[in-house]
N, C-alpha and C. Protein backbone atom coordinates (compact mmCIF):
# COMPACT_ATOMS: atom_id res chain seq x y z
N MET A 1 180.44 119.89 -29.32
CA MET A 1 181.26 121.08 -29.58
C MET A 1 182.72 120.70 -29.81
N THR A 2 183.22 119.77 -29.00
CA THR A 2 184.62 119.35 -29.13
C THR A 2 184.88 118.77 -30.51
N ASN A 3 184.01 117.88 -30.95
CA ASN A 3 184.20 117.28 -32.28
C ASN A 3 184.12 118.32 -33.38
N LEU A 4 183.31 119.34 -33.21
CA LEU A 4 183.20 120.39 -34.21
C LEU A 4 184.53 121.12 -34.39
N ILE A 5 185.23 121.35 -33.29
CA ILE A 5 186.54 122.00 -33.36
C ILE A 5 187.51 121.12 -34.16
N GLY A 6 187.53 119.84 -33.86
CA GLY A 6 188.40 118.91 -34.56
C GLY A 6 188.06 118.78 -36.03
N VAL A 7 186.79 118.66 -36.33
CA VAL A 7 186.34 118.53 -37.72
C VAL A 7 186.67 119.79 -38.51
N ALA A 8 186.46 120.96 -37.91
CA ALA A 8 186.77 122.22 -38.59
C ALA A 8 188.27 122.32 -38.88
N GLY A 9 189.10 121.96 -37.90
CA GLY A 9 190.56 122.01 -38.10
C GLY A 9 191.01 121.10 -39.22
N VAL A 10 190.52 119.87 -39.21
CA VAL A 10 190.88 118.91 -40.25
C VAL A 10 190.38 119.39 -41.61
N ALA A 11 189.16 119.89 -41.66
CA ALA A 11 188.58 120.36 -42.93
C ALA A 11 189.42 121.50 -43.52
N ILE A 12 189.82 122.43 -42.68
CA ILE A 12 190.63 123.55 -43.17
C ILE A 12 191.96 123.04 -43.73
N LEU A 13 192.64 122.17 -42.97
CA LEU A 13 193.91 121.63 -43.46
C LEU A 13 193.74 120.87 -44.77
N LEU A 14 192.70 120.06 -44.85
CA LEU A 14 192.48 119.28 -46.07
C LEU A 14 192.13 120.15 -47.26
N VAL A 15 191.35 121.18 -47.05
CA VAL A 15 191.00 122.09 -48.16
C VAL A 15 192.26 122.71 -48.75
N PHE A 16 193.14 123.22 -47.89
CA PHE A 16 194.35 123.85 -48.40
C PHE A 16 195.33 122.84 -48.99
N PHE A 17 195.38 121.64 -48.44
CA PHE A 17 196.20 120.58 -49.01
C PHE A 17 195.71 120.23 -50.42
N ILE A 18 194.40 120.03 -50.55
CA ILE A 18 193.82 119.68 -51.86
C ILE A 18 194.00 120.82 -52.85
N LEU A 19 193.78 122.06 -52.42
CA LEU A 19 193.99 123.20 -53.32
C LEU A 19 195.43 123.25 -53.82
N ASN A 20 196.36 122.93 -52.95
CA ASN A 20 197.76 122.91 -53.35
C ASN A 20 198.03 121.79 -54.34
N ARG A 21 197.52 120.62 -54.05
CA ARG A 21 197.75 119.47 -54.94
C ARG A 21 197.10 119.67 -56.30
N LEU A 22 196.02 120.45 -56.36
CA LEU A 22 195.35 120.74 -57.64
C LEU A 22 195.94 121.98 -58.31
N HIS A 23 197.02 122.50 -57.74
CA HIS A 23 197.72 123.68 -58.27
C HIS A 23 196.83 124.92 -58.31
N ARG A 24 195.93 125.02 -57.36
CA ARG A 24 195.06 126.19 -57.24
C ARG A 24 195.66 127.23 -56.30
N ILE A 25 196.57 126.77 -55.42
CA ILE A 25 197.24 127.67 -54.50
C ILE A 25 198.66 127.14 -54.29
N SER A 26 199.59 128.06 -54.26
CA SER A 26 201.00 127.71 -54.08
C SER A 26 201.37 127.72 -52.60
N THR A 27 202.36 126.95 -52.25
CA THR A 27 202.86 126.99 -50.88
C THR A 27 203.51 128.34 -50.59
N GLU A 28 203.80 129.11 -51.61
CA GLU A 28 204.38 130.44 -51.44
C GLU A 28 203.30 131.50 -51.18
N ASN A 29 202.06 131.15 -51.39
CA ASN A 29 200.94 132.07 -51.18
C ASN A 29 200.67 132.19 -49.68
N ILE A 30 200.56 133.41 -49.18
CA ILE A 30 200.36 133.62 -47.74
C ILE A 30 199.07 132.96 -47.24
N TRP A 31 198.06 132.86 -48.10
CA TRP A 31 196.79 132.24 -47.69
C TRP A 31 196.95 130.76 -47.41
N TYR A 32 197.91 130.12 -48.07
CA TYR A 32 198.21 128.71 -47.79
C TYR A 32 198.66 128.57 -46.33
N ASP A 33 199.55 129.46 -45.91
CA ASP A 33 200.05 129.41 -44.53
C ASP A 33 198.99 129.85 -43.53
N VAL A 34 198.17 130.81 -43.90
CA VAL A 34 197.07 131.23 -43.02
C VAL A 34 196.12 130.05 -42.79
N GLY A 35 195.79 129.35 -43.86
CA GLY A 35 194.92 128.18 -43.74
C GLY A 35 195.53 127.08 -42.89
N ASN A 36 196.82 126.83 -43.11
CA ASN A 36 197.50 125.82 -42.32
C ASN A 36 197.55 126.22 -40.85
N PHE A 37 197.80 127.49 -40.58
CA PHE A 37 197.82 127.94 -39.19
C PHE A 37 196.44 127.78 -38.55
N ALA A 38 195.41 128.23 -39.25
CA ALA A 38 194.05 128.16 -38.69
C ALA A 38 193.65 126.72 -38.39
N GLY A 39 193.89 125.82 -39.34
CA GLY A 39 193.54 124.42 -39.13
C GLY A 39 194.34 123.79 -38.00
N ALA A 40 195.65 124.03 -38.00
CA ALA A 40 196.50 123.45 -36.96
C ALA A 40 196.16 124.03 -35.59
N PHE A 41 195.85 125.32 -35.53
CA PHE A 41 195.51 125.94 -34.25
C PHE A 41 194.24 125.31 -33.66
N LEU A 42 193.24 125.09 -34.51
CA LEU A 42 192.02 124.43 -34.03
C LEU A 42 192.33 123.01 -33.55
N LEU A 43 193.25 122.34 -34.23
CA LEU A 43 193.60 120.98 -33.81
C LEU A 43 194.45 120.97 -32.55
N VAL A 44 195.19 122.05 -32.29
CA VAL A 44 195.90 122.17 -31.02
C VAL A 44 194.87 122.25 -29.88
N ILE A 45 193.85 123.05 -30.09
CA ILE A 45 192.79 123.16 -29.07
C ILE A 45 192.11 121.80 -28.87
N TYR A 46 191.81 121.14 -29.96
CA TYR A 46 191.17 119.83 -29.91
C TYR A 46 192.04 118.82 -29.16
N ALA A 47 193.34 118.79 -29.48
CA ALA A 47 194.26 117.86 -28.82
C ALA A 47 194.36 118.17 -27.33
N TYR A 48 194.35 119.44 -26.98
CA TYR A 48 194.41 119.83 -25.57
C TYR A 48 193.18 119.33 -24.83
N ILE A 49 192.01 119.53 -25.43
CA ILE A 49 190.77 119.07 -24.81
C ILE A 49 190.78 117.55 -24.61
N LEU A 50 191.31 116.84 -25.62
CA LEU A 50 191.36 115.38 -25.54
C LEU A 50 192.46 114.89 -24.60
N GLY A 51 193.43 115.75 -24.33
CA GLY A 51 194.56 115.34 -23.51
C GLY A 51 195.56 114.50 -24.27
N SER A 52 195.62 114.69 -25.58
CA SER A 52 196.52 113.91 -26.44
C SER A 52 197.82 114.68 -26.63
N ILE A 53 198.82 114.35 -25.83
CA ILE A 53 200.09 115.07 -25.89
C ILE A 53 200.79 114.91 -27.24
N PRO A 54 200.90 113.71 -27.81
CA PRO A 54 201.57 113.60 -29.12
C PRO A 54 200.89 114.44 -30.20
N PHE A 55 199.57 114.40 -30.23
CA PHE A 55 198.81 115.17 -31.22
C PHE A 55 198.96 116.67 -30.95
N PHE A 56 198.98 117.05 -29.68
CA PHE A 56 199.17 118.45 -29.29
C PHE A 56 200.53 118.95 -29.78
N VAL A 57 201.58 118.16 -29.58
CA VAL A 57 202.92 118.55 -30.02
C VAL A 57 202.98 118.66 -31.54
N LEU A 58 202.46 117.66 -32.23
CA LEU A 58 202.47 117.67 -33.70
C LEU A 58 201.78 118.92 -34.24
N GLU A 59 200.58 119.17 -33.79
CA GLU A 59 199.82 120.31 -34.30
C GLU A 59 200.39 121.64 -33.81
N GLY A 60 200.97 121.63 -32.62
CA GLY A 60 201.60 122.85 -32.11
C GLY A 60 202.78 123.27 -32.97
N VAL A 61 203.61 122.30 -33.35
CA VAL A 61 204.75 122.60 -34.23
C VAL A 61 204.25 123.05 -35.59
N TRP A 62 203.23 122.37 -36.12
CA TRP A 62 202.64 122.73 -37.42
C TRP A 62 202.12 124.17 -37.37
N ALA A 63 201.39 124.50 -36.32
CA ALA A 63 200.84 125.85 -36.17
C ALA A 63 201.94 126.88 -36.05
N LEU A 64 202.97 126.57 -35.27
CA LEU A 64 204.07 127.51 -35.06
C LEU A 64 204.78 127.83 -36.37
N PHE A 65 205.13 126.80 -37.14
CA PHE A 65 205.84 127.04 -38.39
C PHE A 65 204.94 127.74 -39.42
N SER A 66 203.67 127.43 -39.42
CA SER A 66 202.75 128.12 -40.31
C SER A 66 202.64 129.60 -39.94
N LEU A 67 202.56 129.87 -38.64
CA LEU A 67 202.49 131.26 -38.18
C LEU A 67 203.77 132.01 -38.54
N LEU A 68 204.91 131.38 -38.38
CA LEU A 68 206.18 132.02 -38.76
C LEU A 68 206.18 132.38 -40.24
N ASN A 69 205.65 131.50 -41.08
CA ASN A 69 205.58 131.79 -42.51
C ASN A 69 204.60 132.92 -42.82
N VAL A 70 203.53 133.02 -42.06
CA VAL A 70 202.59 134.12 -42.23
C VAL A 70 203.29 135.45 -41.90
N VAL A 71 204.00 135.47 -40.79
CA VAL A 71 204.73 136.68 -40.38
C VAL A 71 205.76 137.07 -41.44
N LYS A 72 206.52 136.07 -41.94
CA LYS A 72 207.51 136.35 -43.00
C LYS A 72 206.82 136.92 -44.24
N GLY A 73 205.69 136.34 -44.61
CA GLY A 73 204.94 136.81 -45.78
C GLY A 73 204.45 138.23 -45.61
N LEU A 74 204.00 138.56 -44.41
CA LEU A 74 203.54 139.93 -44.16
C LEU A 74 204.70 140.92 -44.20
N LYS A 75 205.87 140.51 -43.72
CA LYS A 75 207.04 141.38 -43.76
C LYS A 75 207.48 141.63 -45.20
N LYS A 76 207.37 140.61 -46.06
CA LYS A 76 207.73 140.78 -47.47
C LYS A 76 206.85 141.79 -48.16
N LYS A 77 205.55 141.81 -47.80
CA LYS A 77 204.60 142.73 -48.43
C LYS A 77 204.89 144.18 -48.05
N ASN A 78 205.48 144.39 -46.88
CA ASN A 78 205.73 145.76 -46.42
C ASN A 78 207.07 146.25 -46.83
């Protein structure tokens, strides 16, 4: 189960990274940030389970900034 959380997080991040590099989704698109948040959040959980503080901090910051961009994007729509 633990590895599944990690694999899912990495897969989500990689899918959105590849979509961006192939110009299928822009970094300005809210779904890009939603995907980054979802992947990073799963990896925060994974890092916590593993007890990896450096990985936890890295993914925590990634998730936080992605979530902030999601909130900004939602405010723009309203």
